[in-house]
Every structure is written in structure tokens, then in C-alpha cells.
């Protein structure tokens, strides 16, 4: 893994162009590395000229991390904005400066007897729309600087609270001083902050010791491939490319509209078009009637006030 990281960084510094490929790789990120490091390793394995990830996972965390290549990077924001699902294990009675096991222990407290009903009543307070103050050890940027870099320098700055929504929060398992929960939430939810807040509410404090992302937008971890699987295919680019999801999969749960080739040509020129039986509001994914599967997905559009579909982000095909 360390050798792969060094190679990735070296290649990045050289500014090598790489292959012009497009698609989405669902990586099962391993623990111990940042999302950006994972991206650089995979980008090097694919020899891709353009790639980006869709939101950071902490080094401690594992699970599905969609990586966008080429034209798919145009749609990464939609995945960043999508809901997420996590399985997290909280250790009660220990408070760390980072809110997870990678941090420095600040305080150890006795864990009181906590009945199932007591735990459920506390969890209920964190379902629905809640307010969170981002951790100083988060990747949130202030003036272009990630908070965690400031935290490592011993600098703490005031953070504004933000509203997030916890769609589901359920206990999966309890064992002595550990509680494993299922969390389905909106973007920007900090599970470590959730652990800290619930721990304080229980009177003993808590931090995250395990975190696995089970779903990101339309993707689940069952579809993801491991770093080891990718490294085993490093010499066979065709097999690596076969692991890529199509660009359109980023918006696979959106309403779809299909255009004739003539109408599609107008959209590609940036002109809004009228489409029969199309949705009357919101965003849509746009496909053409082309016989070429690579030409079918055009991009995404938005319904205008007059009912037409206006192009917003379009793919460029070879």
C-alpha cells in the first residue's frame, strides 16, 4: 500500500496525462488512509488523466467511496449531496479530542447502567432534523484550510451549527460499553459528532471506534471493489475498466426523459426543448434514442418555468 501511495504521488507531481476514461468506480475504501490518498492510488492504477472523489471518509472509516473519472466528474456534486448510510460502533465512557479512535483520550468516565428504553429515548432525540457543530477534526474547509489541519496545529476556531436530517437511527448491537448503530442521514452529517452528543446525553461520553459507509446515493457497499482486487488487475486495463459504472448511474434514481436524435441535437447545443409527458418540475436525466449505448446518456437538465427541459450538465463523447 505504501509503495502504491508513493507511486501515485510521484505520478501526480509529474503531471502525466494518462488515459481519457469516463465512469464511476465504487471503491470499498480500506481503513488507515484518507479518501484523497485512496483516489490517487486508484487513479494511478487506472492511469486516468482526470478523477475526483465524492466526499471524504475519515482515515478510520471503510466502505463505499464513489470515485469519478473523466466526464463523470461533472456529476460528482450530485453524489456529494446525496444521502448516506453508515454502520458505526460507539465506545461509551471515553472522550477523545477528535471524536474517534484516532484521537487523543481527553477523559474517561464510568458507564452507568443504561437500559434499552433509556438508550432508545436518547436516540429518539437525534432522529429527524437536528443541529450539529462540525468537529475540528472534520474535512470542512474554512478559508480554504481543512479544519483537521488547524486542529493538528492546536488551533480551534468557532464553527457554526448546521442542520442535518437523520432519517433512521437504530441500535444493531450492544456489548458491554459498545453500541453499534445504523445511521441513514443527509449529506454533511458527522457521525463522530453524533457519537459525542449521544455519549454526553447518556452521561458518560463516547467516541467512534468503527465506521463503515454502507451506501452513498444510489450505490451500496455490496457493489464496491476492494483496493486489493484493483491492484490484482493493475496490468490489465480492460478488466479494470470493466469495474467502472456508467456515468449515468450517478443519477440513476432521477426521472428520465428520452429524446429523438433531432431533439437531442438541440439539447447538445445548449437549447431548452419541449418534451411530451416530461416531469413538470425538478431535475431529469436525459437520454437519446441513439443505437450506440455510449451515446445514449446526454446529461442532466432542469424543467424551466415554461415547462421546457433546459440542459444543465452534458457529457462529451468521443
C-alpha atoms as a PDB file:
ATOM      1  CA  UNK A   1       0.000   0.000   0.000  1.00  0.00           C
ATOM      2  CA  UNK A   2       2.799   2.447   0.923  1.00  0.00           C
ATOM      3  CA  UNK A   3       4.579   1.792  -2.376  1.00  0.00           C
ATOM      4  CA  UNK A   4       1.342   2.465  -4.260  1.00  0.00           C
ATOM      5  CA  UNK A   5       0.889   5.754  -2.412  1.00  0.00           C
ATOM      6  CA  UNK A   6       4.418   6.907  -3.250  1.00  0.00           C
ATOM      7  CA  UNK A   7       3.981   5.985  -6.902  1.00  0.00           C
ATOM      8  CA  UNK A   8       0.632   7.797  -7.063  1.00  0.00           C
ATOM      9  CA  UNK A   9       2.108  10.966  -5.587  1.00  0.00           C
ATOM     10  CA  UNK A  10       5.092  10.865  -7.915  1.00  0.00           C
ATOM     11  CA  UNK A  11       2.892  10.422 -10.944  1.00  0.00           C
ATOM     12  CA  UNK A  12       0.654  13.274  -9.801  1.00  0.00           C
ATOM     13  CA  UNK A  13       3.670  15.562  -9.469  1.00  0.00           C
ATOM     14  CA  UNK A  14       4.902  14.695 -12.932  1.00  0.00           C
ATOM     15  CA  UNK A  15       1.537  15.774 -14.321  1.00  0.00           C
ATOM     16  CA  UNK A  16       1.238  12.757 -16.576  1.00  0.00           C
ATOM     17  CA  UNK A  17      -1.793  12.988 -18.827  1.00  0.00           C
ATOM     18  CA  UNK A  18      -2.957   9.372 -18.613  1.00  0.00           C
ATOM     19  CA  UNK A  19      -5.920   7.701 -20.268  1.00  0.00           C
ATOM     20  CA  UNK A  20      -9.094   9.557 -21.138  1.00  0.00           C
ATOM     21  CA  UNK A  21     -11.647   7.277 -19.468  1.00  0.00           C
ATOM     22  CA  UNK A  22     -15.077   8.044 -18.016  1.00  0.00           C
ATOM     23  CA  UNK A  23     -17.132   6.208 -15.422  1.00  0.00           C
ATOM     24  CA  UNK A  24     -17.581   5.700 -11.695  1.00  0.00           C
ATOM     25  CA  UNK A  25     -15.545   3.284  -9.610  1.00  0.00           C
ATOM     26  CA  UNK A  26     -17.163   2.135  -6.381  1.00  0.00           C
ATOM     27  CA  UNK A  27     -14.226   1.617  -4.053  1.00  0.00           C
ATOM     28  CA  UNK A  28     -14.522  -0.178  -0.738  1.00  0.00           C
ATOM     29  CA  UNK A  29     -12.088   2.185   0.970  1.00  0.00           C
ATOM     30  CA  UNK A  30      -9.739   0.485   3.407  1.00  0.00           C
ATOM     31  CA  UNK A  31      -9.052   1.876   6.870  1.00  0.00           C
ATOM     32  CA  UNK A  32      -5.900   3.827   7.577  1.00  0.00           C
ATOM     33  CA  UNK A  33      -5.758   6.137   4.549  1.00  0.00           C
ATOM     34  CA  UNK A  34      -7.526   9.332   3.538  1.00  0.00           C
ATOM     35  CA  UNK A  35     -10.049   9.494   0.725  1.00  0.00           C
ATOM     36  CA  UNK A  36      -7.640  11.578  -1.328  1.00  0.00           C
ATOM     37  CA  UNK A  37      -4.847   9.036  -0.900  1.00  0.00           C
ATOM     38  CA  UNK A  38      -7.250   6.299  -1.988  1.00  0.00           C
ATOM     39  CA  UNK A  39      -8.184   8.399  -5.027  1.00  0.00           C
ATOM     40  CA  UNK A  40      -4.550   8.920  -6.032  1.00  0.00           C
ATOM     41  CA  UNK A  41      -3.783   5.198  -5.752  1.00  0.00           C
ATOM     42  CA  UNK A  42      -6.790   4.213  -7.876  1.00  0.00           C
ATOM     43  CA  UNK A  43      -6.164   6.990 -10.389  1.00  0.00           C
ATOM     44  CA  UNK A  44      -2.645   5.644 -10.860  1.00  0.00           C
ATOM     45  CA  UNK A  45      -3.866   2.048 -11.215  1.00  0.00           C
ATOM     46  CA  UNK A  46      -6.248   3.120 -13.970  1.00  0.00           C
ATOM     47  CA  UNK A  47      -3.671   5.514 -15.458  1.00  0.00           C
ATOM     48  CA  UNK A  48      -6.536   8.031 -15.668  1.00  0.00           C
ATOM     49  CA  UNK A  49      -5.985  11.638 -16.647  1.00  0.00           C
ATOM     50  CA  UNK A  50      -8.889  13.045 -14.612  1.00  0.00           C
ATOM     51  CA  UNK A  51     -10.532  11.785 -11.418  1.00  0.00           C
ATOM     52  CA  UNK A  52     -12.140  13.000  -8.215  1.00  0.00           C
ATOM     53  CA  UNK A  53     -13.876  11.595  -5.148  1.00  0.00           C
ATOM     54  CA  UNK A  54     -17.353  12.409  -3.893  1.00  0.00           C
ATOM     55  CA  UNK A  55     -16.823  13.430  -0.292  1.00  0.00           C
ATOM     56  CA  UNK A  56     -14.286  12.432   2.320  1.00  0.00           C
ATOM     57  CA  UNK A  57     -14.314   9.363   4.502  1.00  0.00           C
ATOM     58  CA  UNK A  58     -12.167   9.598   7.633  1.00  0.00           C
ATOM     59  CA  UNK A  59      -8.971   7.505   7.654  1.00  0.00           C
ATOM     60  CA  UNK A  60     -10.600   5.277  10.297  1.00  0.00           C
ATOM     61  CA  UNK A  61     -13.642   4.671   8.078  1.00  0.00           C
ATOM     62  CA  UNK A  62     -14.169   1.975   5.465  1.00  0.00           C
ATOM     63  CA  UNK A  63     -16.887   1.423   2.913  1.00  0.00           C
ATOM     64  CA  UNK A  64     -18.255   2.666  -0.369  1.00  0.00           C
ATOM     65  CA  UNK A  65     -16.438   5.663  -1.842  1.00  0.00           C
ATOM     66  CA  UNK A  66     -17.553   6.576  -5.381  1.00  0.00           C
ATOM     67  CA  UNK A  67     -14.628   7.799  -7.491  1.00  0.00           C
ATOM     68  CA  UNK A  68     -15.491   9.710 -10.657  1.00  0.00           C
ATOM     69  CA  UNK A  69     -13.380   9.530 -13.813  1.00  0.00           C
ATOM     70  CA  UNK A  70     -13.443  11.841 -16.815  1.00  0.00           C
ATOM     71  CA  UNK A  71     -16.932  13.030 -17.741  1.00  0.00           C
ATOM     72  CA  UNK A  72     -18.344  11.558 -14.513  1.00  0.00           C
ATOM     73  CA  UNK A  73     -16.597  14.311 -12.523  1.00  0.00           C
ATOM     74  CA  UNK A  74     -19.265  16.694 -13.843  1.00  0.00           C
ATOM     75  CA  UNK A  75     -21.821  14.815 -11.755  1.00  0.00           C
ATOM     76  CA  UNK A  76     -19.784  14.282  -8.565  1.00  0.00           C
ATOM     77  CA  UNK A  77     -21.619  17.112  -6.773  1.00  0.00           C
ATOM     78  CA  UNK A  78     -24.889  15.200  -7.035  1.00  0.00           C
ATOM     79  CA  UNK A  79     -23.292  12.237  -5.255  1.00  0.00           C
ATOM     80  CA  UNK A  80     -21.754  14.561  -2.690  1.00  0.00           C
ATOM     81  CA  UNK A  81     -25.234  15.967  -1.993  1.00  0.00           C
ATOM     82  CA  UNK A  82     -26.865  12.535  -1.753  1.00  0.00           C
ATOM     83  CA  UNK A  83     -27.951  10.721   1.409  1.00  0.00           C
ATOM     84  CA  UNK A  84     -25.551   8.294   3.090  1.00  0.00           C
ATOM     85  CA  UNK A  85     -25.914   5.202   5.286  1.00  0.00           C
ATOM     86  CA  UNK A  86     -23.386   4.117   7.908  1.00  0.00           C
ATOM     87  CA  UNK A  87     -22.829   1.363  10.414  1.00  0.00           C
ATOM     88  CA  UNK A  88     -20.994   2.840  13.379  1.00  0.00           C
ATOM     89  CA  UNK A  89     -19.763   1.485  16.689  1.00  0.00           C
ATOM     90  CA  UNK A  90     -19.578   3.882  19.639  1.00  0.00           C
ATOM     91  CA  UNK A  91     -17.421   3.212  22.664  1.00  0.00           C
ATOM     92  CA  UNK A  92     -19.041   4.641  25.774  1.00  0.00           C
ATOM     93  CA  UNK A  93     -17.134   6.168  28.658  1.00  0.00           C
ATOM     94  CA  UNK A  94     -14.177   7.550  26.677  1.00  0.00           C
ATOM     95  CA  UNK A  95     -13.993  11.047  25.190  1.00  0.00           C
ATOM     96  CA  UNK A  96     -11.334  11.866  22.578  1.00  0.00           C
ATOM     97  CA  UNK A  97     -10.339  15.183  21.057  1.00  0.00           C
ATOM     98  CA  UNK A  98     -11.298  14.007  17.556  1.00  0.00           C
ATOM     99  CA  UNK A  99     -14.445  12.105  18.454  1.00  0.00           C
ATOM    100  CA  UNK A 100     -12.976   8.863  17.100  1.00  0.00           C
ATOM    101  CA  UNK A 101     -10.372   6.251  17.971  1.00  0.00           C
ATOM    102  CA  UNK A 102      -7.613   8.096  16.101  1.00  0.00           C
ATOM    103  CA  UNK A 103      -7.754  10.952  18.587  1.00  0.00           C
ATOM    104  CA  UNK A 104      -6.154  11.653  21.945  1.00  0.00           C
ATOM    105  CA  UNK A 105      -8.097  10.499  25.002  1.00  0.00           C
ATOM    106  CA  UNK A 106      -9.267  13.539  26.952  1.00  0.00           C
ATOM    107  CA  UNK A 107     -11.398  11.933  29.620  1.00  0.00           C
ATOM    108  CA  UNK A 108     -12.519   8.538  30.862  1.00  0.00           C
ATOM    109  CA  UNK A 109     -15.815   8.195  32.708  1.00  0.00           C
ATOM    110  CA  UNK A 110     -17.701   5.375  34.348  1.00  0.00           C
ATOM    111  CA  UNK A 111     -20.503   3.984  32.172  1.00  0.00           C
ATOM    112  CA  UNK A 112     -23.765   3.893  34.120  1.00  0.00           C
ATOM    113  CA  UNK A 113     -26.422   1.226  33.764  1.00  0.00           C
ATOM    114  CA  UNK A 114     -28.262   2.112  30.563  1.00  0.00           C
ATOM    115  CA  UNK A 115     -31.488   0.279  29.866  1.00  0.00           C
ATOM    116  CA  UNK A 116     -32.718  -0.335  26.337  1.00  0.00           C
ATOM    117  CA  UNK A 117     -35.567   2.085  26.942  1.00  0.00           C
ATOM    118  CA  UNK A 118     -33.167   4.772  28.184  1.00  0.00           C
ATOM    119  CA  UNK A 119     -30.950   4.349  25.129  1.00  0.00           C
ATOM    120  CA  UNK A 120     -33.967   4.449  22.834  1.00  0.00           C
ATOM    121  CA  UNK A 121     -35.246   7.662  24.435  1.00  0.00           C
ATOM    122  CA  UNK A 122     -31.862   9.317  23.854  1.00  0.00           C
ATOM    123  CA  UNK A 123     -31.638   8.139  20.248  1.00  0.00           C
ATOM    124  CA  UNK A 124     -35.117   9.487  19.590  1.00  0.00           C
ATOM    125  CA  UNK A 125     -33.789  12.999  20.268  1.00  0.00           C
ATOM    126  CA  UNK A 126     -31.399  12.623  17.337  1.00  0.00           C
ATOM    127  CA  UNK A 127     -33.874  11.436  14.743  1.00  0.00           C
ATOM    128  CA  UNK A 128     -35.290  13.857  12.232  1.00  0.00           C
ATOM    129  CA  UNK A 129     -33.828  17.313  11.715  1.00  0.00           C
ATOM    130  CA  UNK A 130     -31.093  18.111  14.216  1.00  0.00           C
ATOM    131  CA  UNK A 131     -28.398  20.729  14.699  1.00  0.00           C
ATOM    132  CA  UNK A 132     -24.713  19.771  14.681  1.00  0.00           C
ATOM    133  CA  UNK A 133     -21.490  21.682  15.254  1.00  0.00           C
ATOM    134  CA  UNK A 134     -18.823  20.212  12.939  1.00  0.00           C
ATOM    135  CA  UNK A 135     -15.805  18.660  14.646  1.00  0.00           C
ATOM    136  CA  UNK A 136     -12.472  20.476  14.477  1.00  0.00           C
ATOM    137  CA  UNK A 137     -11.147  17.217  13.053  1.00  0.00           C
ATOM    138  CA  UNK A 138     -13.532  17.265  10.078  1.00  0.00           C
ATOM    139  CA  UNK A 139     -12.559  17.911   6.449  1.00  0.00           C
ATOM    140  CA  UNK A 140     -14.763  21.013   6.372  1.00  0.00           C
ATOM    141  CA  UNK A 141     -12.774  23.896   4.935  1.00  0.00           C
ATOM    142  CA  UNK A 142     -12.564  27.392   6.396  1.00  0.00           C
ATOM    143  CA  UNK A 143     -10.808  29.946   4.185  1.00  0.00           C
ATOM    144  CA  UNK A 144      -9.563  27.055   2.064  1.00  0.00           C
ATOM    145  CA  UNK A 145      -7.999  25.216   5.006  1.00  0.00           C
ATOM    146  CA  UNK A 146      -9.429  21.888   6.261  1.00  0.00           C
ATOM    147  CA  UNK A 147     -10.368  22.086   9.931  1.00  0.00           C
ATOM    148  CA  UNK A 148      -8.392  18.958  10.791  1.00  0.00           C
ATOM    149  CA  UNK A 149      -5.148  20.638   9.714  1.00  0.00           C
ATOM    150  CA  UNK A 150      -5.833  23.518  12.077  1.00  0.00           C
ATOM    151  CA  UNK A 151      -6.738  21.072  14.852  1.00  0.00           C
ATOM    152  CA  UNK A 152      -3.417  19.265  14.447  1.00  0.00           C
ATOM    153  CA  UNK A 153      -1.681  22.621  14.995  1.00  0.00           C
ATOM    154  CA  UNK A 154      -3.603  23.087  18.226  1.00  0.00           C
ATOM    155  CA  UNK A 155      -5.812  25.768  16.688  1.00  0.00           C
ATOM    156  CA  UNK A 156      -9.532  25.807  17.396  1.00  0.00           C
ATOM    157  CA  UNK A 157     -11.913  28.197  15.689  1.00  0.00           C
ATOM    158  CA  UNK A 158     -15.596  28.884  16.136  1.00  0.00           C
ATOM    159  CA  UNK A 159     -17.833  26.731  13.942  1.00  0.00           C
ATOM    160  CA  UNK A 160     -21.418  27.497  13.085  1.00  0.00           C
ATOM    161  CA  UNK A 161     -24.012  24.819  13.743  1.00  0.00           C
ATOM    162  CA  UNK A 162     -25.684  23.271  10.719  1.00  0.00           C
ATOM    163  CA  UNK A 163     -28.969  21.491  10.172  1.00  0.00           C
ATOM    164  CA  UNK A 164     -28.890  17.870   9.045  1.00  0.00           C
ATOM    165  CA  UNK A 165     -31.536  15.158   8.958  1.00  0.00           C
ATOM    166  CA  UNK A 166     -31.231  11.694  10.467  1.00  0.00           C
ATOM    167  CA  UNK A 167     -33.752   9.588   8.560  1.00  0.00           C
ATOM    168  CA  UNK A 168     -33.059   6.436  10.561  1.00  0.00           C
ATOM    169  CA  UNK A 169     -31.080   5.720  13.722  1.00  0.00           C
ATOM    170  CA  UNK A 170     -31.351   2.213  15.126  1.00  0.00           C
ATOM    171  CA  UNK A 171     -29.366   0.016  17.503  1.00  0.00           C
ATOM    172  CA  UNK A 172     -27.960  -3.074  15.813  1.00  0.00           C
ATOM    173  CA  UNK A 173     -25.989  -4.490  18.707  1.00  0.00           C
ATOM    174  CA  UNK A 174     -24.955  -3.768  22.301  1.00  0.00           C
ATOM    175  CA  UNK A 175     -21.991  -5.351  24.044  1.00  0.00           C
ATOM    176  CA  UNK A 176     -20.741  -4.031  27.384  1.00  0.00           C
ATOM    177  CA  UNK A 177     -19.535  -0.490  26.703  1.00  0.00           C
ATOM    178  CA  UNK A 178     -20.034  -0.594  22.925  1.00  0.00           C
ATOM    179  CA  UNK A 179     -23.125   0.227  20.882  1.00  0.00           C
ATOM    180  CA  UNK A 180     -23.390  -0.415  17.145  1.00  0.00           C
ATOM    181  CA  UNK A 181     -25.935   1.666  15.252  1.00  0.00           C
ATOM    182  CA  UNK A 182     -27.337   2.030  11.755  1.00  0.00           C
ATOM    183  CA  UNK A 183     -27.455   5.661  10.576  1.00  0.00           C
ATOM    184  CA  UNK A 184     -29.266   6.862   7.436  1.00  0.00           C
ATOM    185  CA  UNK A 185     -28.662  10.582   7.054  1.00  0.00           C
ATOM    186  CA  UNK A 186     -28.387  13.582   4.764  1.00  0.00           C
ATOM    187  CA  UNK A 187     -25.121  14.970   3.446  1.00  0.00           C
ATOM    188  CA  UNK A 188     -22.907  16.811   5.899  1.00  0.00           C
ATOM    189  CA  UNK A 189     -23.842  14.644   8.886  1.00  0.00           C
ATOM    190  CA  UNK A 190     -20.873  13.969  11.169  1.00  0.00           C
ATOM    191  CA  UNK A 191     -21.201  10.550  12.767  1.00  0.00           C
ATOM    192  CA  UNK A 192     -18.404  11.338  15.219  1.00  0.00           C
ATOM    193  CA  UNK A 193     -20.375  14.384  16.393  1.00  0.00           C
ATOM    194  CA  UNK A 194     -23.449  12.188  16.697  1.00  0.00           C
ATOM    195  CA  UNK A 195     -21.461   9.780  18.883  1.00  0.00           C
ATOM    196  CA  UNK A 196     -20.158  12.606  21.074  1.00  0.00           C
ATOM    197  CA  UNK A 197     -23.611  14.156  21.521  1.00  0.00           C
ATOM    198  CA  UNK A 198     -25.290  10.843  22.316  1.00  0.00           C
ATOM    199  CA  UNK A 199     -22.496   9.966  24.740  1.00  0.00           C
ATOM    200  CA  UNK A 200     -22.910  13.237  26.614  1.00  0.00           C
ATOM    201  CA  UNK A 201     -26.672  12.739  26.702  1.00  0.00           C
ATOM    202  CA  UNK A 202     -26.076   9.324  28.297  1.00  0.00           C
ATOM    203  CA  UNK A 203     -23.831  10.967  30.867  1.00  0.00           C
ATOM    204  CA  UNK A 204     -20.600   9.136  30.051  1.00  0.00           C
ATOM    205  CA  UNK A 205     -19.307  10.435  26.744  1.00  0.00           C
ATOM    206  CA  UNK A 206     -18.497   8.342  23.660  1.00  0.00           C
ATOM    207  CA  UNK A 207     -16.403   8.186  20.525  1.00  0.00           C
ATOM    208  CA  UNK A 208     -16.434   6.247  17.245  1.00  0.00           C
ATOM    209  CA  UNK A 209     -14.259   3.140  17.124  1.00  0.00           C
ATOM    210  CA  UNK A 210     -15.573   1.674  13.860  1.00  0.00           C
ATOM    211  CA  UNK A 211     -17.290   3.358  10.932  1.00  0.00           C
ATOM    212  CA  UNK A 212     -18.373   1.762   7.673  1.00  0.00           C
ATOM    213  CA  UNK A 213     -20.269   3.529   4.913  1.00  0.00           C
ATOM    214  CA  UNK A 214     -22.881   1.138   3.584  1.00  0.00           C
ATOM    215  CA  UNK A 215     -24.436   3.391   0.945  1.00  0.00           C
ATOM    216  CA  UNK A 216     -23.792   6.661  -0.866  1.00  0.00           C
ATOM    217  CA  UNK A 217     -26.647   7.931  -3.001  1.00  0.00           C
ATOM    218  CA  UNK A 218     -27.760   5.119  -5.341  1.00  0.00           C
ATOM    219  CA  UNK A 219     -24.735   2.923  -4.567  1.00  0.00           C
ATOM    220  CA  UNK A 220     -24.230   0.272  -1.882  1.00  0.00           C
ATOM    221  CA  UNK A 221     -21.086  -1.292  -0.488  1.00  0.00           C
ATOM    222  CA  UNK A 222     -22.134  -4.654  -1.957  1.00  0.00           C
ATOM    223  CA  UNK A 223     -21.276  -3.214  -5.386  1.00  0.00           C
ATOM    224  CA  UNK A 224     -17.875  -1.908  -4.315  1.00  0.00           C
ATOM    225  CA  UNK A 225     -14.479  -3.427  -5.086  1.00  0.00           C
ATOM    226  CA  UNK A 226     -11.509  -3.564  -2.724  1.00  0.00           C
ATOM    227  CA  UNK A 227      -8.115  -1.992  -3.260  1.00  0.00           C
ATOM    228  CA  UNK A 228      -6.606  -5.491  -3.328  1.00  0.00           C
ATOM    229  CA  UNK A 229      -8.943  -6.529  -6.165  1.00  0.00           C
ATOM    230  CA  UNK A 230      -7.938  -3.478  -8.180  1.00  0.00           C
ATOM    231  CA  UNK A 231      -4.226  -3.960  -7.560  1.00  0.00           C
ATOM    232  CA  UNK A 232      -4.524  -7.571  -8.765  1.00  0.00           C
ATOM    233  CA  UNK A 233      -5.851  -6.229 -12.092  1.00  0.00           C
ATOM    234  CA  UNK A 234      -3.285  -3.446 -12.404  1.00  0.00           C
ATOM    235  CA  UNK A 235      -1.679  -4.892 -15.534  1.00  0.00           C
ATOM    236  CA  UNK A 236      -4.982  -5.478 -17.334  1.00  0.00           C
ATOM    237  CA  UNK A 237      -6.628  -2.138 -18.054  1.00  0.00           C
ATOM    238  CA  UNK A 238      -9.559  -3.798 -19.844  1.00  0.00           C
ATOM    239  CA  UNK A 239     -10.507  -5.693 -16.687  1.00  0.00           C
ATOM    240  CA  UNK A 240     -10.067  -2.561 -14.602  1.00  0.00           C
ATOM    241  CA  UNK A 241     -12.305  -0.584 -16.947  1.00  0.00           C
ATOM    242  CA  UNK A 242     -14.944  -3.305 -16.647  1.00  0.00           C
ATOM    243  CA  UNK A 243     -15.252  -2.355 -12.954  1.00  0.00           C
ATOM    244  CA  UNK A 244     -16.482   1.132 -13.866  1.00  0.00           C
ATOM    245  CA  UNK A 245     -20.136   2.029 -13.523  1.00  0.00           C
ATOM    246  CA  UNK A 246     -21.569   4.143 -16.387  1.00  0.00           C
ATOM    247  CA  UNK A 247     -21.641   7.911 -15.911  1.00  0.00           C
ATOM    248  CA  UNK A 248     -25.449   7.826 -15.973  1.00  0.00           C
ATOM    249  CA  UNK A 249     -25.510   5.669 -12.834  1.00  0.00           C
ATOM    250  CA  UNK A 250     -24.780   8.782 -10.772  1.00  0.00           C
ATOM    251  CA  UNK A 251     -28.350   9.936 -11.439  1.00  0.00           C
ATOM    252  CA  UNK A 252     -29.986   6.545 -11.938  1.00  0.00           C
ATOM    253  CA  UNK A 253     -32.734   7.318  -9.426  1.00  0.00           C
ATOM    254  CA  UNK A 254     -33.750  10.569 -11.189  1.00  0.00           C
ATOM    255  CA  UNK A 255     -36.738  10.835 -13.552  1.00  0.00           C
ATOM    256  CA  UNK A 256     -35.646  10.053 -17.126  1.00  0.00           C
ATOM    257  CA  UNK A 257     -36.608  11.602 -20.430  1.00  0.00           C
ATOM    258  CA  UNK A 258     -35.777  10.186 -23.856  1.00  0.00           C
ATOM    259  CA  UNK A 259     -35.240  12.437 -26.856  1.00  0.00           C
ATOM    260  CA  UNK A 260     -35.281  11.843 -30.566  1.00  0.00           C
ATOM    261  CA  UNK A 261     -31.931  12.370 -32.270  1.00  0.00           C
ATOM    262  CA  UNK A 262     -33.141  15.705 -33.635  1.00  0.00           C
ATOM    263  CA  UNK A 263     -34.320  16.972 -30.247  1.00  0.00           C
ATOM    264  CA  UNK A 264     -31.128  15.676 -28.643  1.00  0.00           C
ATOM    265  CA  UNK A 265     -29.073  17.753 -31.075  1.00  0.00           C
ATOM    266  CA  UNK A 266     -30.769  20.921 -29.781  1.00  0.00           C
ATOM    267  CA  UNK A 267     -30.036  19.967 -26.171  1.00  0.00           C
ATOM    268  CA  UNK A 268     -26.379  19.345 -27.063  1.00  0.00           C
ATOM    269  CA  UNK A 269     -26.263  22.882 -28.468  1.00  0.00           C
ATOM    270  CA  UNK A 270     -27.482  24.222 -25.124  1.00  0.00           C
ATOM    271  CA  UNK A 271     -31.074  24.924 -26.175  1.00  0.00           C
ATOM    272  CA  UNK A 272     -34.108  24.104 -23.977  1.00  0.00           C
ATOM    273  CA  UNK A 273     -36.592  21.738 -25.600  1.00  0.00           C
ATOM    274  CA  UNK A 274     -40.236  20.828 -25.156  1.00  0.00           C
ATOM    275  CA  UNK A 275     -40.799  17.138 -24.396  1.00  0.00           C
ATOM    276  CA  UNK A 276     -44.189  15.458 -24.216  1.00  0.00           C
ATOM    277  CA  UNK A 277     -45.083  13.743 -20.934  1.00  0.00           C
ATOM    278  CA  UNK A 278     -41.947  15.044 -19.203  1.00  0.00           C
ATOM    279  CA  UNK A 279     -41.940  15.923 -15.488  1.00  0.00           C
ATOM    280  CA  UNK A 280     -43.257  19.401 -14.779  1.00  0.00           C
ATOM    281  CA  UNK A 281     -40.673  20.365 -12.146  1.00  0.00           C
ATOM    282  CA  UNK A 282     -37.223  19.430 -10.931  1.00  0.00           C
ATOM    283  CA  UNK A 283     -34.204  17.783 -12.488  1.00  0.00           C
ATOM    284  CA  UNK A 284     -34.147  14.951 -15.019  1.00  0.00           C
ATOM    285  CA  UNK A 285     -31.589  12.666 -16.629  1.00  0.00           C
ATOM    286  CA  UNK A 286     -31.579  12.934 -20.410  1.00  0.00           C
ATOM    287  CA  UNK A 287     -31.122  10.093 -22.876  1.00  0.00           C
ATOM    288  CA  UNK A 288     -31.305   9.912 -26.666  1.00  0.00           C
ATOM    289  CA  UNK A 289     -32.683   7.202 -28.939  1.00  0.00           C
ATOM    290  CA  UNK A 290     -29.211   6.514 -30.336  1.00  0.00           C
ATOM    291  CA  UNK A 291     -28.353   2.896 -31.146  1.00  0.00           C
ATOM    292  CA  UNK A 292     -24.898   3.464 -29.661  1.00  0.00           C
ATOM    293  CA  UNK A 293     -25.040   2.781 -25.871  1.00  0.00           C
ATOM    294  CA  UNK A 294     -22.176   5.240 -25.347  1.00  0.00           C
ATOM    295  CA  UNK A 295     -24.217   7.998 -26.958  1.00  0.00           C
ATOM    296  CA  UNK A 296     -27.482   7.349 -25.136  1.00  0.00           C
ATOM    297  CA  UNK A 297     -26.796   9.350 -21.959  1.00  0.00           C
ATOM    298  CA  UNK A 298     -26.639  13.049 -22.776  1.00  0.00           C
ATOM    299  CA  UNK A 299     -26.549  14.556 -19.304  1.00  0.00           C
ATOM    300  CA  UNK A 300     -28.958  16.214 -16.898  1.00  0.00           C
ATOM    301  CA  UNK A 301     -31.414  19.036 -17.261  1.00  0.00           C
ATOM    302  CA  UNK A 302     -33.901  21.074 -15.289  1.00  0.00           C
ATOM    303  CA  UNK A 303     -37.534  21.854 -16.010  1.00  0.00           C
ATOM    304  CA  UNK A 304     -37.966  25.577 -16.652  1.00  0.00           C
ATOM    305  CA  UNK A 305     -40.951  27.720 -15.666  1.00  0.00           C
ATOM    306  CA  UNK A 306     -42.430  27.333 -19.148  1.00  0.00           C
ATOM    307  CA  UNK A 307     -42.225  23.536 -18.987  1.00  0.00           C
ATOM    308  CA  UNK A 308     -39.229  23.011 -21.235  1.00  0.00           C
ATOM    309  CA  UNK A 309     -36.161  20.923 -20.358  1.00  0.00           C
ATOM    310  CA  UNK A 310     -33.050  23.076 -20.149  1.00  0.00           C
ATOM    311  CA  UNK A 311     -29.618  21.387 -20.280  1.00  0.00           C
ATOM    312  CA  UNK A 312     -27.502  21.867 -17.157  1.00  0.00           C
ATOM    313  CA  UNK A 313     -24.602  19.407 -17.372  1.00  0.00           C
ATOM    314  CA  UNK A 314     -23.843  17.463 -20.528  1.00  0.00           C
ATOM    315  CA  UNK A 315     -21.375  14.699 -21.274  1.00  0.00           C
ATOM    316  CA  UNK A 316     -18.895  14.971 -24.116  1.00  0.00           C
ATOM    317  CA  UNK A 317     -18.481  11.757 -26.102  1.00  0.00           C
ATOM    318  CA  UNK A 318     -15.608  10.859 -28.370  1.00  0.00           C
END
